Amino acid sequence: MEVKIVNQSPFEIPAYATPLSAGMDIRANITATIVLKPLERTLVPTGLFIELPQGYEAQIRPRSGLAAKHGISIVNSPGTIDADYRGEIKVILVNLSSEDFSLQPGERIAQMVVAQHARVEWKEVNNLSDSERGAGGFGSTGVK
C-alpha cells in the first residue's frame, strides 16, 4: 500500500528493520539532546506528516529496547494517528526509570504500525447473549 509522507526532518523516513517487521521505527526530530528525568514526560516532534487512506490508522508504540534497557515508554500507548489527521506526528515519551535518560537527535523513539480498522454502528439492546466467560474480567481466567 502506498501512503503519502512529508518529511521535514533531516532524518530518514520510517522504515521496516526486517522483511517481517510489523512496525517502522520513527526518529526524534530534535537539534539538541533532551534529558528526561525520572517520571518526566515530553512531547517529541518527528517532522513527519502522513496521509493515510480511509479505513486505516497508524499506531505509535514504544520500542521494546528503550523500554527494557532505559524504562522509556509512551504515555498514551498506543497513540493513534487517524486517517484525517494532517498535523505533525509527535510522541509523548515518559521516563519510567530511576535514572536520567538522554534523548539524542535522530534517535529511534517509537515504532509506527499502519493497520486497517473497522467502523461500527451501535445497536442498543437491553441484554447481551450469554458466553462462556460472561462478565468475568481482570484475571478471571486465571494465571496459568
N, C-alpha and C. Protein backbone atom coordinates (compact mmCIF):
# COMPACT_ATOMS: atom_id res chain seq x y z
N MET A 1 0.85 -1.16 0.00
CA MET A 1 0.00 0.00 0.00
C MET A 1 0.90 1.23 0.00
N GLU A 2 0.58 2.17 -0.83
CA GLU A 2 1.35 3.41 -0.91
C GLU A 2 0.69 4.47 -0.04
N VAL A 3 1.49 5.15 0.79
CA VAL A 3 0.99 6.20 1.69
C VAL A 3 1.84 7.44 1.49
N LYS A 4 1.18 8.59 1.36
CA LYS A 4 1.90 9.86 1.20
C LYS A 4 2.54 10.26 2.53
N ILE A 5 3.80 10.75 2.45
CA ILE A 5 4.51 11.22 3.63
C ILE A 5 5.29 12.47 3.30
N VAL A 6 5.27 13.43 4.21
CA VAL A 6 6.12 14.62 4.14
C VAL A 6 7.11 14.50 5.28
N ASN A 7 8.39 14.62 4.96
CA ASN A 7 9.44 14.52 5.98
C ASN A 7 10.15 15.86 6.08
N GLN A 8 9.87 16.60 7.14
CA GLN A 8 10.51 17.89 7.36
C GLN A 8 11.71 17.78 8.30
N SER A 9 12.16 16.56 8.53
CA SER A 9 13.34 16.34 9.37
C SER A 9 14.52 16.01 8.48
N PRO A 10 15.75 16.11 9.01
CA PRO A 10 16.92 15.70 8.23
C PRO A 10 17.17 14.18 8.30
N PHE A 11 16.29 13.47 8.99
CA PHE A 11 16.47 12.03 9.21
C PHE A 11 15.63 11.23 8.22
N GLU A 12 15.97 9.94 8.10
CA GLU A 12 15.27 9.09 7.13
C GLU A 12 13.82 8.87 7.53
N ILE A 13 12.99 8.56 6.54
CA ILE A 13 11.58 8.28 6.80
C ILE A 13 11.47 6.93 7.50
N PRO A 14 10.33 6.66 8.15
CA PRO A 14 10.15 5.38 8.83
C PRO A 14 10.41 4.22 7.88
N ALA A 15 11.04 3.18 8.41
CA ALA A 15 11.37 2.01 7.59
C ALA A 15 11.27 0.75 8.43
N TYR A 16 10.98 -0.35 7.75
CA TYR A 16 10.94 -1.65 8.41
C TYR A 16 12.37 -2.15 8.58
N ALA A 17 12.72 -2.64 9.77
CA ALA A 17 14.08 -3.11 10.03
C ALA A 17 14.36 -4.46 9.39
N THR A 18 13.32 -5.30 9.29
CA THR A 18 13.49 -6.62 8.68
C THR A 18 12.31 -6.88 7.76
N PRO A 19 12.40 -7.85 6.87
CA PRO A 19 11.31 -8.14 5.94
C PRO A 19 9.97 -8.50 6.61
N LEU A 20 10.00 -9.03 7.82
CA LEU A 20 8.76 -9.44 8.50
C LEU A 20 8.36 -8.50 9.64
N SER A 21 9.01 -7.36 9.76
CA SER A 21 8.66 -6.38 10.80
C SER A 21 7.25 -5.83 10.57
N ALA A 22 6.49 -5.67 11.65
CA ALA A 22 5.17 -5.05 11.57
C ALA A 22 5.27 -3.54 11.75
N GLY A 23 6.26 -3.11 12.55
CA GLY A 23 6.41 -1.69 12.86
C GLY A 23 7.62 -1.08 12.18
N MET A 24 7.52 0.22 11.94
CA MET A 24 8.61 1.01 11.37
C MET A 24 9.13 1.96 12.44
N ASP A 25 10.43 2.05 12.59
CA ASP A 25 11.00 2.97 13.57
C ASP A 25 10.83 4.41 13.11
N ILE A 26 10.47 5.27 14.08
CA ILE A 26 10.42 6.71 13.81
C ILE A 26 11.40 7.41 14.74
N ARG A 27 11.91 8.55 14.29
CA ARG A 27 13.03 9.21 14.95
C ARG A 27 12.66 10.57 15.54
N ALA A 28 13.43 10.96 16.54
CA ALA A 28 13.25 12.27 17.19
C ALA A 28 13.80 13.36 16.29
N ASN A 29 12.97 14.30 15.93
CA ASN A 29 13.40 15.45 15.13
C ASN A 29 13.74 16.59 16.08
N ILE A 30 14.88 16.45 16.74
CA ILE A 30 15.36 17.47 17.67
C ILE A 30 16.77 17.86 17.25
N THR A 31 17.19 19.07 17.64
CA THR A 31 18.52 19.55 17.25
C THR A 31 19.53 19.46 18.39
N ALA A 32 19.03 19.24 19.61
CA ALA A 32 19.92 19.12 20.77
C ALA A 32 19.39 17.99 21.66
N THR A 33 20.28 17.47 22.48
CA THR A 33 19.92 16.41 23.41
C THR A 33 18.83 16.89 24.37
N ILE A 34 17.85 16.03 24.63
CA ILE A 34 16.83 16.28 25.65
C ILE A 34 17.09 15.30 26.79
N VAL A 35 17.18 15.80 28.01
CA VAL A 35 17.35 14.94 29.18
C VAL A 35 15.99 14.76 29.84
N LEU A 36 15.56 13.50 29.89
CA LEU A 36 14.31 13.15 30.56
C LEU A 36 14.64 12.62 31.95
N LYS A 37 14.19 13.34 32.96
CA LYS A 37 14.42 12.92 34.34
C LYS A 37 13.41 11.82 34.71
N PRO A 38 13.65 11.07 35.77
CA PRO A 38 12.71 10.03 36.19
C PRO A 38 11.29 10.57 36.33
N LEU A 39 10.34 9.83 35.78
CA LEU A 39 8.91 10.14 35.77
C LEU A 39 8.55 11.41 34.98
N GLU A 40 9.50 11.97 34.28
CA GLU A 40 9.22 13.14 33.44
C GLU A 40 8.75 12.67 32.07
N ARG A 41 7.90 13.47 31.44
CA ARG A 41 7.44 13.18 30.09
C ARG A 41 7.67 14.41 29.22
N THR A 42 7.79 14.16 27.91
CA THR A 42 7.99 15.25 26.98
C THR A 42 7.39 14.89 25.63
N LEU A 43 6.95 15.90 24.90
CA LEU A 43 6.38 15.72 23.58
C LEU A 43 7.50 15.89 22.56
N VAL A 44 7.80 14.82 21.83
CA VAL A 44 8.93 14.81 20.91
C VAL A 44 8.44 14.91 19.47
N PRO A 45 8.87 15.93 18.74
CA PRO A 45 8.47 16.04 17.34
C PRO A 45 9.22 15.03 16.47
N THR A 46 8.60 14.66 15.35
CA THR A 46 9.25 13.73 14.41
C THR A 46 9.52 14.37 13.05
N GLY A 47 8.86 15.49 12.77
CA GLY A 47 8.99 16.11 11.45
C GLY A 47 8.22 15.37 10.37
N LEU A 48 7.39 14.40 10.76
CA LEU A 48 6.65 13.57 9.81
C LEU A 48 5.18 13.95 9.76
N PHE A 49 4.65 13.97 8.54
CA PHE A 49 3.24 14.24 8.27
C PHE A 49 2.79 13.17 7.28
N ILE A 50 1.66 12.51 7.54
CA ILE A 50 1.23 11.43 6.65
C ILE A 50 -0.23 11.61 6.23
N GLU A 51 -0.59 10.94 5.14
CA GLU A 51 -1.96 10.94 4.64
C GLU A 51 -2.38 9.49 4.43
N LEU A 52 -3.05 8.95 5.43
CA LEU A 52 -3.50 7.55 5.37
C LEU A 52 -4.81 7.45 4.60
N PRO A 53 -5.04 6.32 3.94
CA PRO A 53 -6.34 6.12 3.29
C PRO A 53 -7.43 5.86 4.32
N GLN A 54 -8.66 6.13 3.92
CA GLN A 54 -9.81 5.87 4.77
C GLN A 54 -9.81 4.41 5.19
N GLY A 55 -10.13 4.16 6.46
CA GLY A 55 -10.19 2.79 6.97
C GLY A 55 -8.87 2.31 7.57
N TYR A 56 -7.87 3.22 7.63
CA TYR A 56 -6.57 2.87 8.19
C TYR A 56 -6.21 3.84 9.30
N GLU A 57 -5.36 3.38 10.20
CA GLU A 57 -4.80 4.20 11.26
C GLU A 57 -3.32 3.88 11.37
N ALA A 58 -2.57 4.78 11.99
CA ALA A 58 -1.19 4.49 12.34
C ALA A 58 -1.13 4.44 13.86
N GLN A 59 -0.59 3.36 14.39
CA GLN A 59 -0.44 3.21 15.84
C GLN A 59 1.01 3.52 16.19
N ILE A 60 1.20 4.37 17.20
CA ILE A 60 2.53 4.72 17.67
C ILE A 60 2.77 3.95 18.96
N ARG A 61 3.77 3.07 18.91
CA ARG A 61 4.03 2.15 20.02
C ARG A 61 5.44 2.33 20.57
N PRO A 62 5.66 1.95 21.83
CA PRO A 62 7.01 2.02 22.40
C PRO A 62 7.97 1.08 21.69
N ARG A 63 9.23 1.39 21.77
CA ARG A 63 10.28 0.49 21.29
C ARG A 63 10.69 -0.40 22.47
N SER A 64 10.71 -1.69 22.25
CA SER A 64 10.98 -2.62 23.36
C SER A 64 12.38 -2.42 23.93
N GLY A 65 13.36 -2.11 23.09
CA GLY A 65 14.73 -1.90 23.58
C GLY A 65 14.83 -0.71 24.51
N LEU A 66 14.18 0.41 24.17
CA LEU A 66 14.19 1.58 25.05
C LEU A 66 13.47 1.28 26.36
N ALA A 67 12.39 0.51 26.27
CA ALA A 67 11.64 0.17 27.48
C ALA A 67 12.45 -0.74 28.40
N ALA A 68 13.02 -1.80 27.84
CA ALA A 68 13.75 -2.78 28.65
C ALA A 68 15.05 -2.23 29.20
N LYS A 69 15.80 -1.50 28.39
CA LYS A 69 17.12 -1.02 28.81
C LYS A 69 17.09 0.29 29.58
N HIS A 70 16.10 1.16 29.30
CA HIS A 70 16.12 2.50 29.89
C HIS A 70 14.81 2.92 30.55
N GLY A 71 13.76 2.09 30.49
CA GLY A 71 12.49 2.45 31.11
C GLY A 71 11.74 3.54 30.36
N ILE A 72 12.02 3.69 29.05
CA ILE A 72 11.37 4.74 28.26
C ILE A 72 10.16 4.14 27.56
N SER A 73 9.00 4.80 27.73
CA SER A 73 7.77 4.31 27.12
C SER A 73 6.99 5.48 26.55
N ILE A 74 5.78 5.18 26.11
CA ILE A 74 4.88 6.19 25.55
C ILE A 74 3.68 6.29 26.47
N VAL A 75 3.32 7.51 26.85
CA VAL A 75 2.24 7.71 27.81
C VAL A 75 0.91 7.17 27.29
N ASN A 76 0.52 7.51 26.09
CA ASN A 76 -0.77 7.08 25.54
C ASN A 76 -0.56 5.94 24.55
N SER A 77 -0.06 4.84 25.05
CA SER A 77 0.34 3.74 24.17
C SER A 77 -0.80 2.75 23.95
N PRO A 78 -1.13 2.40 22.72
CA PRO A 78 -0.56 3.03 21.53
C PRO A 78 -1.27 4.34 21.21
N GLY A 79 -0.51 5.27 20.71
CA GLY A 79 -1.09 6.51 20.19
C GLY A 79 -1.72 6.21 18.84
N THR A 80 -2.78 6.91 18.51
CA THR A 80 -3.48 6.67 17.25
C THR A 80 -3.40 7.89 16.36
N ILE A 81 -2.97 7.68 15.11
CA ILE A 81 -3.00 8.71 14.08
C ILE A 81 -4.16 8.35 13.16
N ASP A 82 -5.19 9.18 13.14
CA ASP A 82 -6.36 8.93 12.30
C ASP A 82 -6.09 9.31 10.85
N ALA A 83 -6.86 8.73 9.94
CA ALA A 83 -6.67 8.95 8.51
C ALA A 83 -6.89 10.41 8.11
N ASP A 84 -7.68 11.15 8.87
CA ASP A 84 -7.93 12.54 8.50
C ASP A 84 -7.01 13.55 9.20
N TYR A 85 -6.05 13.07 9.99
CA TYR A 85 -5.10 13.95 10.67
C TYR A 85 -3.97 14.31 9.71
N ARG A 86 -3.67 15.60 9.60
CA ARG A 86 -2.62 16.06 8.69
C ARG A 86 -1.50 16.81 9.42
N GLY A 87 -1.55 16.86 10.74
CA GLY A 87 -0.51 17.55 11.50
C GLY A 87 0.72 16.69 11.69
N GLU A 88 1.70 17.28 12.34
CA GLU A 88 2.95 16.57 12.60
C GLU A 88 2.72 15.45 13.60
N ILE A 89 3.34 14.32 13.36
CA ILE A 89 3.31 13.21 14.31
C ILE A 89 4.28 13.55 15.43
N LYS A 90 3.78 13.53 16.65
CA LYS A 90 4.61 13.77 17.84
C LYS A 90 4.40 12.61 18.80
N VAL A 91 5.39 12.33 19.61
CA VAL A 91 5.37 11.17 20.50
C VAL A 91 5.56 11.66 21.94
N ILE A 92 4.66 11.22 22.84
CA ILE A 92 4.76 11.59 24.25
C ILE A 92 5.59 10.52 24.97
N LEU A 93 6.88 10.80 25.14
CA LEU A 93 7.76 9.86 25.83
C LEU A 93 7.73 10.10 27.33
N VAL A 94 7.89 9.03 28.10
CA VAL A 94 7.96 9.12 29.55
C VAL A 94 9.13 8.27 30.03
N ASN A 95 9.81 8.76 31.04
CA ASN A 95 10.93 8.03 31.65
C ASN A 95 10.41 7.35 32.91
N LEU A 96 10.21 6.05 32.85
CA LEU A 96 9.70 5.29 33.99
C LEU A 96 10.82 4.69 34.84
N SER A 97 12.06 5.05 34.54
CA SER A 97 13.19 4.53 35.31
C SER A 97 13.52 5.47 36.46
N SER A 98 14.55 5.11 37.21
CA SER A 98 15.01 5.95 38.32
C SER A 98 16.24 6.77 37.93
N GLU A 99 16.61 6.75 36.65
CA GLU A 99 17.79 7.47 36.17
C GLU A 99 17.43 8.41 35.02
N ASP A 100 18.21 9.49 34.87
CA ASP A 100 18.04 10.39 33.74
C ASP A 100 18.26 9.63 32.44
N PHE A 101 17.56 10.04 31.38
CA PHE A 101 17.75 9.47 30.06
C PHE A 101 18.03 10.59 29.08
N SER A 102 19.09 10.45 28.30
CA SER A 102 19.45 11.47 27.31
C SER A 102 18.97 11.02 25.93
N LEU A 103 18.05 11.80 25.38
CA LEU A 103 17.50 11.53 24.05
C LEU A 103 18.30 12.34 23.03
N GLN A 104 18.84 11.64 22.04
CA GLN A 104 19.71 12.26 21.05
C GLN A 104 18.96 12.61 19.77
N PRO A 105 19.39 13.65 19.05
CA PRO A 105 18.79 13.97 17.75
C PRO A 105 18.85 12.76 16.82
N GLY A 106 17.74 12.46 16.17
CA GLY A 106 17.67 11.35 15.22
C GLY A 106 17.52 9.98 15.85
N GLU A 107 17.46 9.92 17.18
CA GLU A 107 17.32 8.62 17.85
C GLU A 107 15.95 8.00 17.54
N ARG A 108 15.94 6.70 17.38
CA ARG A 108 14.69 5.97 17.15
C ARG A 108 13.92 5.94 18.47
N ILE A 109 12.73 6.55 18.47
CA ILE A 109 11.99 6.74 19.72
C ILE A 109 10.72 5.90 19.84
N ALA A 110 10.21 5.42 18.73
CA ALA A 110 8.95 4.68 18.75
C ALA A 110 8.85 3.88 17.46
N GLN A 111 7.82 3.05 17.41
CA GLN A 111 7.55 2.38 16.15
C GLN A 111 6.12 2.67 15.73
N MET A 112 5.94 2.71 14.43
CA MET A 112 4.64 3.00 13.85
C MET A 112 4.14 1.76 13.11
N VAL A 113 2.90 1.36 13.44
CA VAL A 113 2.26 0.25 12.77
C VAL A 113 1.02 0.79 12.06
N VAL A 114 0.94 0.59 10.75
CA VAL A 114 -0.24 1.01 9.99
C VAL A 114 -1.18 -0.19 9.92
N ALA A 115 -2.43 0.04 10.34
CA ALA A 115 -3.38 -1.07 10.42
C ALA A 115 -4.75 -0.65 9.91
N GLN A 116 -5.42 -1.61 9.30
CA GLN A 116 -6.79 -1.40 8.87
C GLN A 116 -7.70 -1.54 10.09
N HIS A 117 -8.79 -0.80 10.09
CA HIS A 117 -9.73 -0.91 11.21
C HIS A 117 -11.16 -0.88 10.70
N ALA A 118 -12.05 -1.36 11.52
CA ALA A 118 -13.48 -1.37 11.18
C ALA A 118 -14.18 -0.22 11.90
N ARG A 119 -15.30 0.22 11.34
CA ARG A 119 -16.17 1.18 12.00
C ARG A 119 -17.44 0.44 12.37
N VAL A 120 -18.01 0.78 13.50
CA VAL A 120 -19.20 0.08 13.96
C VAL A 120 -20.40 1.01 13.98
N GLU A 121 -21.55 0.41 13.90
CA GLU A 121 -22.81 1.10 14.16
C GLU A 121 -23.39 0.42 15.39
N TRP A 122 -23.61 1.19 16.44
CA TRP A 122 -24.13 0.61 17.68
C TRP A 122 -25.59 0.22 17.51
N LYS A 123 -25.95 -0.91 18.07
CA LYS A 123 -27.33 -1.37 18.13
C LYS A 123 -27.67 -1.48 19.61
N GLU A 124 -28.43 -0.53 20.10
CA GLU A 124 -28.78 -0.56 21.53
C GLU A 124 -29.79 -1.67 21.80
N VAL A 125 -29.49 -2.48 22.84
CA VAL A 125 -30.36 -3.57 23.26
C VAL A 125 -30.46 -3.55 24.78
N ASN A 126 -31.33 -4.36 25.33
CA ASN A 126 -31.48 -4.45 26.78
C ASN A 126 -30.63 -5.56 27.38
N ASN A 127 -30.25 -6.56 26.58
CA ASN A 127 -29.49 -7.70 27.07
C ASN A 127 -28.49 -8.15 26.01
N LEU A 128 -27.42 -8.77 26.48
CA LEU A 128 -26.43 -9.37 25.59
C LEU A 128 -26.55 -10.88 25.67
N SER A 129 -26.13 -11.58 24.63
CA SER A 129 -26.18 -13.04 24.64
C SER A 129 -25.18 -13.58 25.66
N ASP A 130 -25.43 -14.79 26.15
CA ASP A 130 -24.54 -15.44 27.12
C ASP A 130 -23.27 -15.90 26.42
N SER A 131 -22.19 -15.99 27.18
CA SER A 131 -20.93 -16.55 26.68
C SER A 131 -20.31 -17.36 27.81
N GLU A 132 -19.32 -18.17 27.48
CA GLU A 132 -18.65 -18.99 28.50
C GLU A 132 -18.00 -18.10 29.56
N ARG A 133 -17.41 -17.00 29.14
CA ARG A 133 -16.71 -16.10 30.06
C ARG A 133 -17.67 -15.22 30.84
N GLY A 134 -18.74 -14.81 30.21
CA GLY A 134 -19.71 -13.93 30.88
C GLY A 134 -19.11 -12.59 31.23
N ALA A 135 -19.34 -12.12 32.44
CA ALA A 135 -18.85 -10.81 32.88
C ALA A 135 -17.48 -10.89 33.55
N GLY A 136 -16.87 -12.06 33.54
CA GLY A 136 -15.56 -12.21 34.20
C GLY A 136 -14.49 -11.40 33.50
N GLY A 137 -13.71 -10.71 34.27
CA GLY A 137 -12.62 -9.90 33.71
C GLY A 137 -11.52 -9.72 34.74
N PHE A 138 -10.48 -9.01 34.39
CA PHE A 138 -9.38 -8.69 35.29
C PHE A 138 -8.87 -9.91 36.05
N GLY A 139 -8.40 -10.89 35.29
CA GLY A 139 -7.81 -12.08 35.89
C GLY A 139 -8.77 -13.23 36.10
N SER A 140 -9.98 -13.11 35.61
CA SER A 140 -10.96 -14.18 35.84
C SER A 140 -10.62 -15.49 35.17
N THR A 141 -9.74 -15.48 34.18
CA THR A 141 -9.38 -16.73 33.50
C THR A 141 -8.16 -17.39 34.15
N GLY A 142 -7.65 -16.83 35.22
CA GLY A 142 -6.54 -17.43 35.96
C GLY A 142 -5.19 -16.93 35.48
N VAL A 143 -4.13 -17.48 36.10
CA VAL A 143 -2.77 -17.07 35.75
C VAL A 143 -2.02 -18.14 34.99
N LYS A 144 -2.55 -19.34 34.91
CA LYS A 144 -1.87 -20.43 34.21
C LYS A 144 -2.70 -20.94 33.08
